[in-house]
């Protein structure tokens, strides 16, 4: 039973991490181009780059809940 719980928690965390990496790569490329054309938009780009991090945090919370609830 512990193996299945660990696999479920790993999938929950890895899914969020992979999605965050993909989103940040797209946002980072577009953000670099935006800052090159309009340097005053740097603050907005930084905020938009940080938003996908919530997916990793939520994936971690779900993984922790899976492990804690099953024990």
C-alpha atoms as a PDB file:
ATOM      1  CA  UNK A   1       0.000   0.000   0.000  1.00  0.00           C
ATOM      2  CA  UNK A   2       2.844   2.417   0.742  1.00  0.00           C
ATOM      3  CA  UNK A   3       4.261   2.028  -2.763  1.00  0.00           C
ATOM      4  CA  UNK A   4       0.984   3.079  -4.381  1.00  0.00           C
ATOM      5  CA  UNK A   5       0.752   6.106  -2.107  1.00  0.00           C
ATOM      6  CA  UNK A   6       4.297   7.154  -2.969  1.00  0.00           C
ATOM      7  CA  UNK A   7       3.610   6.793  -6.695  1.00  0.00           C
ATOM      8  CA  UNK A   8       0.426   8.861  -6.396  1.00  0.00           C
ATOM      9  CA  UNK A   9       2.214  11.604  -4.481  1.00  0.00           C
ATOM     10  CA  UNK A  10       5.076  11.609  -6.987  1.00  0.00           C
ATOM     11  CA  UNK A  11       2.677  11.935  -9.916  1.00  0.00           C
ATOM     12  CA  UNK A  12       0.857  14.813  -8.194  1.00  0.00           C
ATOM     13  CA  UNK A  13       4.093  16.694  -7.589  1.00  0.00           C
ATOM     14  CA  UNK A  14       5.756  15.854 -10.922  1.00  0.00           C
ATOM     15  CA  UNK A  15       2.718  16.929 -12.922  1.00  0.00           C
ATOM     16  CA  UNK A  16       2.789  20.378 -11.390  1.00  0.00           C
ATOM     17  CA  UNK A  17       6.552  20.673 -11.765  1.00  0.00           C
ATOM     18  CA  UNK A  18       6.537  19.703 -15.437  1.00  0.00           C
ATOM     19  CA  UNK A  19       3.639  22.044 -16.209  1.00  0.00           C
ATOM     20  CA  UNK A  20       5.404  24.886 -14.408  1.00  0.00           C
ATOM     21  CA  UNK A  21       8.618  24.327 -16.337  1.00  0.00           C
ATOM     22  CA  UNK A  22       6.764  24.333 -19.634  1.00  0.00           C
ATOM     23  CA  UNK A  23       4.782  27.476 -18.755  1.00  0.00           C
ATOM     24  CA  UNK A  24       7.827  29.356 -17.504  1.00  0.00           C
ATOM     25  CA  UNK A  25       9.794  28.529 -20.631  1.00  0.00           C
ATOM     26  CA  UNK A  26       7.059  30.053 -22.793  1.00  0.00           C
ATOM     27  CA  UNK A  27       6.541  33.058 -20.534  1.00  0.00           C
ATOM     28  CA  UNK A  28      10.282  33.637 -20.197  1.00  0.00           C
ATOM     29  CA  UNK A  29      10.838  33.728 -23.950  1.00  0.00           C
ATOM     30  CA  UNK A  30       7.925  36.083 -24.518  1.00  0.00           C
ATOM     31  CA  UNK A  31       8.932  38.168 -21.505  1.00  0.00           C
ATOM     32  CA  UNK A  32      12.497  38.616 -22.765  1.00  0.00           C
ATOM     33  CA  UNK A  33      11.179  39.852 -26.094  1.00  0.00           C
ATOM     34  CA  UNK A  34       8.745  42.193 -24.358  1.00  0.00           C
ATOM     35  CA  UNK A  35      11.432  43.683 -22.118  1.00  0.00           C
ATOM     36  CA  UNK A  36      13.701  44.171 -25.141  1.00  0.00           C
ATOM     37  CA  UNK A  37      11.008  46.243 -26.833  1.00  0.00           C
ATOM     38  CA  UNK A  38       9.487  47.912 -23.758  1.00  0.00           C
ATOM     39  CA  UNK A  39      11.778  48.018 -20.704  1.00  0.00           C
ATOM     40  CA  UNK A  40       9.054  49.607 -18.584  1.00  0.00           C
ATOM     41  CA  UNK A  41       7.096  46.328 -18.725  1.00  0.00           C
ATOM     42  CA  UNK A  42       9.715  44.472 -16.653  1.00  0.00           C
ATOM     43  CA  UNK A  43       7.593  44.511 -13.496  1.00  0.00           C
ATOM     44  CA  UNK A  44       4.633  42.900 -15.232  1.00  0.00           C
ATOM     45  CA  UNK A  45       6.854  40.262 -16.810  1.00  0.00           C
ATOM     46  CA  UNK A  46       8.343  39.342 -13.437  1.00  0.00           C
ATOM     47  CA  UNK A  47       4.869  38.925 -11.947  1.00  0.00           C
ATOM     48  CA  UNK A  48       3.733  36.809 -14.896  1.00  0.00           C
ATOM     49  CA  UNK A  49       6.852  34.649 -14.560  1.00  0.00           C
ATOM     50  CA  UNK A  50       6.099  34.002 -10.871  1.00  0.00           C
ATOM     51  CA  UNK A  51       2.442  33.001 -11.285  1.00  0.00           C
ATOM     52  CA  UNK A  52       3.090  29.439 -12.575  1.00  0.00           C
ATOM     53  CA  UNK A  53       5.055  28.684  -9.393  1.00  0.00           C
ATOM     54  CA  UNK A  54       1.715  28.218  -7.672  1.00  0.00           C
ATOM     55  CA  UNK A  55       1.264  24.985  -9.651  1.00  0.00           C
ATOM     56  CA  UNK A  56       4.350  23.489  -7.988  1.00  0.00           C
ATOM     57  CA  UNK A  57       3.195  24.646  -4.569  1.00  0.00           C
ATOM     58  CA  UNK A  58      -0.263  23.161  -5.113  1.00  0.00           C
ATOM     59  CA  UNK A  59       1.271  19.927  -6.403  1.00  0.00           C
ATOM     60  CA  UNK A  60       3.358  19.714  -3.244  1.00  0.00           C
ATOM     61  CA  UNK A  61       0.302  20.343  -1.067  1.00  0.00           C
ATOM     62  CA  UNK A  62      -1.682  17.632  -2.852  1.00  0.00           C
ATOM     63  CA  UNK A  63       1.243  15.197  -2.568  1.00  0.00           C
ATOM     64  CA  UNK A  64       1.568  15.939   1.154  1.00  0.00           C
ATOM     65  CA  UNK A  65      -2.175  15.478   1.629  1.00  0.00           C
ATOM     66  CA  UNK A  66      -2.045  12.115  -0.158  1.00  0.00           C
ATOM     67  CA  UNK A  67       0.760  10.890   2.087  1.00  0.00           C
ATOM     68  CA  UNK A  68      -0.755  12.246   5.308  1.00  0.00           C
ATOM     69  CA  UNK A  69      -4.351  11.121   4.648  1.00  0.00           C
ATOM     70  CA  UNK A  70      -3.424   7.535   3.860  1.00  0.00           C
ATOM     71  CA  UNK A  71      -1.266   6.936   6.951  1.00  0.00           C
END
